[in-house]
C-alpha atoms as a PDB file:
ATOM      1  CA  MET A   1      86.358  77.300   4.068  1.00  0.00           C
ATOM      2  CA  ALA A   2      84.920  74.218   3.181  1.00  0.00           C
ATOM      3  CA  ALA A   3      84.067  73.418   6.893  1.00  0.00           C
ATOM      4  CA  ARG A   4      81.712  76.464   7.168  1.00  0.00           C
ATOM      5  CA  LYS A   5      80.470  75.727   3.434  1.00  0.00           C
ATOM      6  CA  LEU A   6      79.404  72.002   4.911  1.00  0.00           C
ATOM      7  CA  ASP A   7      77.774  73.221   7.921  1.00  0.00           C
ATOM      8  CA  ILE A   8      75.512  75.603   6.018  1.00  0.00           C
ATOM      9  CA  ALA A   9      74.954  73.175   3.579  1.00  0.00           C
ATOM     10  CA  LEU A  10      73.581  70.807   6.028  1.00  0.00           C
ATOM     11  CA  HIS A  11      71.735  73.336   7.834  1.00  0.00           C
ATOM     12  CA  ARG A  12      69.786  74.043   4.746  1.00  0.00           C
ATOM     13  CA  THR A  13      68.733  70.404   4.145  1.00  0.00           C
ATOM     14  CA  ASP A  14      66.973  70.499   7.192  1.00  0.00           C
ATOM     15  CA  SER A  15      67.499  66.486   7.786  1.00  0.00           C
ATOM     16  CA  SER A  16      67.920  64.642  11.052  1.00  0.00           C
ATOM     17  CA  ASP A  17      69.074  61.733   9.128  1.00  0.00           C
ATOM     18  CA  ILE A  18      72.028  63.036   8.508  1.00  0.00           C
ATOM     19  CA  LYS A  19      75.114  61.821  10.352  1.00  0.00           C
ATOM     20  CA  VAL A  20      78.689  63.787  10.292  1.00  0.00           C
ATOM     21  CA  ARG A  21      81.763  62.654  12.018  1.00  0.00           C
ATOM     22  CA  TRP A  22      84.990  64.967  11.830  1.00  0.00           C
ATOM     23  CA  PHE A  23      88.271  63.175  11.572  1.00  0.00           C
ATOM     24  CA  VAL A  24      90.783  65.612  12.665  1.00  0.00           C
ATOM     25  CA  MET A  25      94.862  65.327  12.562  1.00  0.00           C
ATOM     26  CA  GLY A  26      96.007  66.927  15.635  1.00  0.00           C
ATOM     27  CA  ASP A  27      94.730  67.818  18.889  1.00  0.00           C
ATOM     28  CA  SER A  28      91.821  68.786  20.869  1.00  0.00           C
ATOM     29  CA  VAL A  29      93.187  72.162  21.589  1.00  0.00           C
ATOM     30  CA  GLY A  30      93.819  72.715  17.657  1.00  0.00           C
ATOM     31  CA  PHE A  31      90.381  71.547  16.802  1.00  0.00           C
ATOM     32  CA  ARG A  32      88.268  73.593  19.718  1.00  0.00           C
ATOM     33  CA  ARG A  33      89.900  76.677  17.964  1.00  0.00           C
ATOM     34  CA  PHE A  34      89.122  75.895  14.739  1.00  0.00           C
ATOM     35  CA  LEU A  35      85.339  75.237  15.786  1.00  0.00           C
ATOM     36  CA  GLU A  36      85.543  78.761  17.501  1.00  0.00           C
ATOM     37  CA  GLU A  37      87.117  80.526  14.443  1.00  0.00           C
ATOM     38  CA  THR A  38      85.025  78.451  11.923  1.00  0.00           C
ATOM     39  CA  GLU A  39      81.560  78.525  14.196  1.00  0.00           C
ATOM     40  CA  VAL A  40      80.735  74.994  12.699  1.00  0.00           C
ATOM     41  CA  GLU A  41      78.577  72.667  14.809  1.00  0.00           C
ATOM     42  CA  THR A  42      80.160  69.179  15.145  1.00  0.00           C
ATOM     43  CA  LEU A  43      79.025  66.346  17.531  1.00  0.00           C
ATOM     44  CA  GLU A  44      81.275  63.713  16.740  1.00  0.00           C
ATOM     45  CA  TYR A  45      84.858  63.512  16.078  1.00  0.00           C
ATOM     46  CA  ASN A  46      87.556  61.431  16.242  1.00  0.00           C
ATOM     47  CA  PHE A  47      91.365  62.299  16.373  1.00  0.00           C
ATOM     48  CA  LEU A  48      93.714  60.564  14.429  1.00  0.00           C
ATOM     49  CA  PRO A  49      97.489  59.923  14.162  1.00  0.00           C
ATOM     50  CA  ALA A  50      99.094  62.167  11.534  1.00  0.00           C
ATOM     51  CA  ARG A  51     100.166  58.829   9.650  1.00  0.00           C
ATOM     52  CA  ASP A  52      96.574  57.127   9.121  1.00  0.00           C
ATOM     53  CA  PHE A  53      94.964  60.923   8.746  1.00  0.00           C
ATOM     54  CA  LEU A  54      96.995  61.334   5.728  1.00  0.00           C
ATOM     55  CA  LYS A  55      96.751  57.822   4.291  1.00  0.00           C
ATOM     56  CA  ILE A  56      92.819  57.942   4.830  1.00  0.00           C
ATOM     57  CA  THR A  57      92.809  61.211   2.813  1.00  0.00           C
ATOM     58  CA  ASP A  58      95.845  60.683   0.580  1.00  0.00           C
ATOM     59  CA  GLY A  59      97.133  63.958   2.085  1.00  0.00           C
ATOM     60  CA  LYS A  60      93.957  66.012   0.345  1.00  0.00           C
ATOM     61  CA  LEU A  61      93.158  68.694   3.253  1.00  0.00           C
ATOM     62  CA  PRO A  62      90.103  69.202   3.642  1.00  0.00           C
ATOM     63  CA  LEU A  63      88.511  66.112   2.237  1.00  0.00           C
ATOM     64  CA  ILE A  64      84.603  65.884   2.392  1.00  0.00           C
ATOM     65  CA  MET A  65      83.499  62.088   1.872  1.00  0.00           C
ATOM     66  CA  LEU A  66      80.064  61.382   1.725  1.00  0.00           C
ATOM     67  CA  LEU A  67      79.316  57.497   2.601  1.00  0.00           C
ATOM     68  CA  ASP A  68      76.258  55.128   2.174  1.00  0.00           C
ATOM     69  CA  GLY A  69      76.673  51.882   4.245  1.00  0.00           C
ATOM     70  CA  GLY A  70      80.210  52.696   4.216  1.00  0.00           C
ATOM     71  CA  GLU A  71      80.913  53.061   0.905  1.00  0.00           C
ATOM     72  CA  VAL A  72      82.098  56.384  -0.231  1.00  0.00           C
ATOM     73  CA  ARG A  73      80.058  57.976  -2.752  1.00  0.00           C
ATOM     74  CA  LYS A  74      81.700  61.077  -3.640  1.00  0.00           C
ATOM     75  CA  THR A  75      84.570  63.232  -2.364  1.00  0.00           C
ATOM     76  CA  MET A  76      85.078  66.751  -2.074  1.00  0.00           C
ATOM     77  CA  SER A  77      87.553  69.495  -1.426  1.00  0.00           C
ATOM     78  CA  ASN A  78      87.312  73.189  -0.665  1.00  0.00           C
ATOM     79  CA  ALA A  79      88.006  73.697  -4.714  1.00  0.00           C
ATOM     80  CA  THR A  80      85.188  70.942  -5.800  1.00  0.00           C
ATOM     81  CA  PHE A  81      82.629  71.596  -2.748  1.00  0.00           C
ATOM     82  CA  SER A  82      79.371  71.444  -4.111  1.00  0.00           C
ATOM     83  CA  GLU A  83      76.257  72.070  -2.190  1.00  0.00           C
ATOM     84  CA  LYS A  84      73.949  70.827  -4.789  1.00  0.00           C
ATOM     85  CA  ASP A  85      75.616  67.556  -4.470  1.00  0.00           C
ATOM     86  CA  ILE A  86      75.084  67.444  -0.655  1.00  0.00           C
ATOM     87  CA  VAL A  87      71.545  68.125  -1.042  1.00  0.00           C
ATOM     88  CA  GLU A  88      71.131  65.574  -4.063  1.00  0.00           C
ATOM     89  CA  PHE A  89      72.918  63.002  -1.698  1.00  0.00           C
ATOM     90  CA  VAL A  90      70.576  63.901   1.159  1.00  0.00           C
ATOM     91  CA  LYS A  91      67.587  63.221  -0.450  1.00  0.00           C
ATOM     92  CA  GLU A  92      68.553  60.027  -1.952  1.00  0.00           C
END
């Protein structure tokens, strides 16, 4: 699961400069259940209407975006997730 992989990778980078924001399609009940099941930590999240969420992600779920100054540097899915890419991005 990409959420768990991302959580582990972020803990391994040991950087307090990393900002993670979750954008969630659905409601708080489903999201809370997801957090409990995956045991990931999240501090910041926003709920988006399905139409907006799917427009942003182009229908790809899950989608991880690495952003620098508001610019998308890399996107990853569960299948293309790379802890190495995350560590390299954080070190830049």
